[in-house]
Amino acid sequence: MNIIDFSLLAEAAKPAPPSTEQSIFSVLMIVSMMLIVMYLLFVLPKKNQEKNARKMIDSLKKNDKVMTTSGMIGTIYSIDKDQNEVVLKVDESNNTKIKFSLGAVYFVFKDKEKEAEKEKDKP
């Protein structure tokens, strides 16, 4: 008689299987949360990076000292935003100039003298 009682208790303790609606809803919630996380980790930083690069390229002007993606350092001799080209003067003594795409400009060096003048003008 004891054996029968335990078997009935074991059957009563089993949880009911989840309904199909509940399992589909939970899967959809997990997938949507994963998509949101992927968007936040990959898409937003890329958009911000592109926005900052566009802002830097738009602010380029003659005589800015820049570095290209290949590591070439020079001073902007001329810039043609319509043709998407920039000419860098890389050697002052030989007057050497090289033409690059605007997208090749990676970094703009800040002029310390101009920075000091801006700070003096601030109240």
Protein backbone atom coordinates (compact mmCIF):
# COMPACT_ATOMS: atom_id res chain seq x y z
CA MET A 1 0.00 0.00 0.00
CA ASN A 2 2.90 2.36 0.66
CA ILE A 3 4.20 1.92 -2.88
CA ILE A 4 0.90 2.98 -4.41
CA ASP A 5 0.72 6.12 -2.26
CA PHE A 6 4.19 7.26 -3.36
CA SER A 7 3.43 6.77 -7.02
CA LEU A 8 0.30 8.88 -6.71
CA LEU A 9 2.28 11.63 -4.98
CA ALA A 10 4.94 11.58 -7.70
CA GLU A 11 2.31 11.97 -10.42
CA ALA A 12 0.61 14.81 -8.55
CA ALA A 13 3.92 16.70 -8.08
CA LYS A 14 4.69 16.87 -11.84
CA PRO A 15 4.18 20.40 -13.18
CA ALA A 16 1.72 20.92 -15.97
CA PRO A 17 3.38 21.43 -19.39
CA PRO A 18 3.33 25.06 -20.54
CA SER A 19 0.77 25.99 -23.11
CA THR A 20 1.85 26.65 -26.70
CA GLU A 21 0.92 30.33 -26.41
CA GLN A 22 3.17 30.78 -23.39
CA SER A 23 6.17 29.13 -25.02
CA ILE A 24 5.80 31.15 -28.28
CA PHE A 25 5.49 34.37 -26.28
CA SER A 26 8.61 33.61 -24.24
CA VAL A 27 10.62 32.78 -27.39
CA LEU A 28 9.48 36.00 -29.06
CA MET A 29 10.45 37.99 -25.97
CA ILE A 30 13.93 36.46 -25.89
CA VAL A 31 14.48 37.05 -29.61
CA SER A 32 13.29 40.65 -29.40
CA MET A 33 15.55 41.34 -26.41
CA MET A 34 18.51 39.88 -28.31
CA LEU A 35 17.75 42.09 -31.32
CA ILE A 36 17.59 45.18 -29.11
CA VAL A 37 20.92 44.33 -27.50
CA MET A 38 22.52 43.71 -30.91
CA TYR A 39 21.24 47.08 -32.14
CA LEU A 40 22.64 48.87 -29.10
CA LEU A 41 26.01 47.13 -29.32
CA PHE A 42 26.66 47.27 -33.06
CA VAL A 43 24.46 49.71 -34.94
CA LEU A 44 24.42 52.78 -32.67
CA PRO A 45 28.20 53.01 -32.18
CA LYS A 46 28.72 52.68 -35.93
CA LYS A 47 26.25 55.51 -36.60
CA ASN A 48 28.01 57.74 -34.08
CA GLN A 49 31.39 56.93 -35.61
CA GLU A 50 30.17 57.80 -39.10
CA LYS A 51 28.62 61.03 -37.82
CA ASN A 52 31.89 62.08 -36.15
CA ALA A 53 33.90 61.22 -39.28
CA ARG A 54 31.53 63.27 -41.47
CA LYS A 55 31.80 66.21 -39.04
CA MET A 56 35.61 66.01 -39.11
CA ILE A 57 35.71 65.90 -42.93
CA ASP A 58 33.32 68.84 -43.20
CA SER A 59 35.52 70.93 -40.90
CA LEU A 60 38.74 70.37 -42.91
CA LYS A 61 40.39 73.47 -44.31
CA LYS A 62 43.63 74.49 -45.96
CA ASN A 63 46.79 74.33 -43.80
CA ASP A 64 45.32 71.76 -41.36
CA LYS A 65 47.84 69.12 -40.36
CA VAL A 66 46.29 65.66 -40.87
CA MET A 67 47.11 61.97 -40.85
CA THR A 68 45.67 59.54 -43.41
CA THR A 69 44.51 55.99 -42.78
CA SER A 70 47.81 54.75 -44.22
CA GLY A 71 49.79 56.81 -41.70
CA MET A 72 50.89 59.57 -44.08
CA ILE A 73 51.19 62.90 -42.25
CA GLY A 74 50.93 66.16 -44.14
CA THR A 75 49.40 69.59 -44.41
CA ILE A 76 46.34 70.21 -46.53
CA TYR A 77 47.43 72.11 -49.64
CA SER A 78 44.03 72.10 -51.34
CA ILE A 79 40.67 70.49 -50.80
CA ASP A 80 37.92 69.77 -53.30
CA LYS A 81 34.81 68.47 -51.56
CA ASP A 82 32.89 68.20 -54.84
CA GLN A 83 35.47 65.77 -56.26
CA ASN A 84 36.00 64.17 -52.82
CA GLU A 85 39.75 64.85 -52.99
CA VAL A 86 42.37 66.46 -50.82
CA VAL A 87 45.97 67.31 -51.76
CA LEU A 88 48.49 66.97 -48.95
CA LYS A 89 51.87 68.64 -48.87
CA VAL A 90 54.09 66.03 -47.26
CA ASP A 91 57.55 67.56 -47.71
CA GLU A 92 58.25 71.26 -47.33
CA SER A 93 61.77 71.20 -48.74
CA ASN A 94 60.91 69.45 -52.02
CA ASN A 95 57.35 70.77 -52.19
CA THR A 96 56.02 67.19 -52.52
CA LYS A 97 52.25 66.89 -52.82
CA ILE A 98 50.07 63.76 -52.86
CA LYS A 99 46.40 63.52 -53.77
CA PHE A 100 44.08 61.47 -51.49
CA SER A 101 40.41 60.75 -51.17
CA LEU A 102 38.69 62.73 -48.38
CA GLY A 103 37.78 59.41 -46.77
CA ALA A 104 41.48 58.67 -46.30
CA VAL A 105 41.80 61.48 -43.74
CA TYR A 106 41.86 59.73 -40.38
CA PHE A 107 42.95 62.34 -37.85
CA VAL A 108 43.34 66.11 -37.66
CA PHE A 109 46.15 67.41 -35.46
CA LYS A 110 45.12 70.33 -33.31
CA ASP A 111 47.32 73.40 -33.52
CA LYS A 112 48.50 74.20 -29.99
CA GLU A 113 48.98 77.90 -30.79
CA LYS A 114 45.40 78.25 -32.00
CA GLU A 115 44.16 76.40 -28.91
CA ALA A 116 46.08 78.79 -26.65
CA GLU A 117 44.61 81.81 -28.46
CA LYS A 118 41.08 80.46 -28.06
CA GLU A 119 41.64 79.94 -24.35
CA LYS A 120 42.93 83.51 -23.96
CA ASP A 121 39.82 84.89 -25.66
CA LYS A 122 37.49 83.02 -23.30
CA PRO A 123 36.43 85.01 -20.22
